[in-house]
Amino acid sequence: MKATKIPNTDSISEPATFWDTHDLTDFEDELEDVHEMVFEHSPDETVTIHLPAEEVEAVKRMAQAKGIGHAALIRKWVIEKLQSV
């Protein structure tokens, strides 16, 4: 007879410690079968652009001054341009 149960907690460390000292196969009667899998398709698409190193550095400096990543700044510029057309 087992004296322990799988911990039910929001903690990260407690289950980690538990599974360091236990084997999943000892708890098969406590596990649930999961049959439903959901995959969401993202309509976003990645675009690669090639720029000279000095232009990339200039964009990075501008983005840093605004407190955002350089890719986010480039995306913002593209969206602004598309909205102005």
Protein backbone atom coordinates (compact mmCIF):
# COMPACT_ATOMS: atom_id res chain seq x y z
CA MET A 1 0.00 0.00 0.00
CA LYS A 2 1.32 3.42 -0.97
CA ALA A 3 1.65 6.02 1.75
CA THR A 4 2.26 8.97 -0.61
CA LYS A 5 0.11 10.76 -3.18
CA ILE A 6 1.04 13.04 -6.04
CA PRO A 7 1.26 16.56 -4.58
CA ASN A 8 -1.50 18.95 -5.58
CA THR A 9 0.09 22.38 -5.32
CA ASP A 10 0.86 25.56 -7.23
CA SER A 11 4.44 25.39 -5.99
CA ILE A 12 7.23 24.54 -8.38
CA SER A 13 9.72 23.21 -5.85
CA GLU A 14 7.42 20.75 -4.06
CA PRO A 15 6.55 18.63 -7.14
CA ALA A 16 10.15 18.86 -8.35
CA THR A 17 11.40 17.45 -5.06
CA PHE A 18 8.64 14.83 -5.08
CA TRP A 19 9.48 13.54 -8.60
CA ASP A 20 13.19 13.46 -7.77
CA THR A 21 12.38 10.69 -5.30
CA HIS A 22 9.38 8.92 -6.91
CA ASP A 23 8.60 7.04 -10.11
CA LEU A 24 5.59 7.91 -12.29
CA THR A 25 4.73 4.25 -12.84
CA ASP A 26 3.97 3.92 -9.12
CA PHE A 27 1.06 6.37 -9.54
CA GLU A 28 -0.69 5.07 -12.66
CA ASP A 29 -3.99 4.76 -10.78
CA GLU A 30 -3.91 8.52 -10.00
CA LEU A 31 -3.26 9.65 -13.58
CA GLU A 32 -5.90 10.79 -16.07
CA ASP A 33 -5.97 10.01 -19.77
CA VAL A 34 -5.87 13.14 -21.90
CA HIS A 35 -7.39 12.66 -25.33
CA GLU A 36 -8.10 16.16 -26.56
CA MET A 37 -5.28 18.05 -28.20
CA VAL A 38 -5.77 21.61 -29.42
CA PHE A 39 -3.46 23.25 -31.91
CA GLU A 40 -4.00 26.86 -32.83
CA HIS A 41 -2.79 28.19 -36.14
CA SER A 42 -1.20 31.58 -35.91
CA PRO A 43 -1.95 33.80 -38.89
CA ASP A 44 1.37 35.60 -38.36
CA GLU A 45 4.22 35.03 -40.74
CA THR A 46 7.91 35.76 -40.20
CA VAL A 47 9.74 37.97 -42.69
CA THR A 48 13.52 38.18 -42.84
CA ILE A 49 15.21 41.35 -44.03
CA HIS A 50 18.90 41.87 -44.64
CA LEU A 51 20.48 45.14 -43.56
CA PRO A 52 24.07 46.30 -43.34
CA ALA A 53 25.52 45.94 -39.84
CA GLU A 54 25.66 49.69 -39.26
CA GLU A 55 21.94 50.03 -40.04
CA VAL A 56 21.10 47.18 -37.68
CA GLU A 57 23.12 48.86 -34.93
CA ALA A 58 21.35 52.18 -35.57
CA VAL A 59 17.94 50.49 -35.30
CA LYS A 60 19.01 48.74 -32.09
CA ARG A 61 20.12 52.07 -30.57
CA MET A 62 16.80 53.71 -31.52
CA ALA A 63 14.83 50.79 -30.10
CA GLN A 64 16.83 50.82 -26.87
CA ALA A 65 16.15 54.54 -26.48
CA LYS A 66 12.42 53.75 -26.73
CA GLY A 67 12.72 50.82 -24.32
CA ILE A 68 11.64 48.17 -26.85
CA GLY A 69 13.34 45.46 -28.88
CA HIS A 70 14.62 46.23 -32.35
CA ALA A 71 12.25 43.73 -33.99
CA ALA A 72 9.30 45.39 -32.23
CA LEU A 73 10.43 48.79 -33.51
CA ILE A 74 10.74 47.54 -37.09
CA ARG A 75 7.28 45.95 -36.84
CA LYS A 76 5.89 49.25 -35.52
CA TRP A 77 7.41 51.12 -38.47
CA VAL A 78 5.94 48.68 -40.99
CA ILE A 79 2.48 48.92 -39.43
CA GLU A 80 2.66 52.75 -39.38
CA LYS A 81 3.67 52.80 -43.04
CA LEU A 82 0.90 50.41 -44.05
CA GLN A 83 -1.69 52.52 -42.21
CA SER A 84 -0.52 55.68 -43.98
CA VAL A 85 -0.89 54.24 -47.48
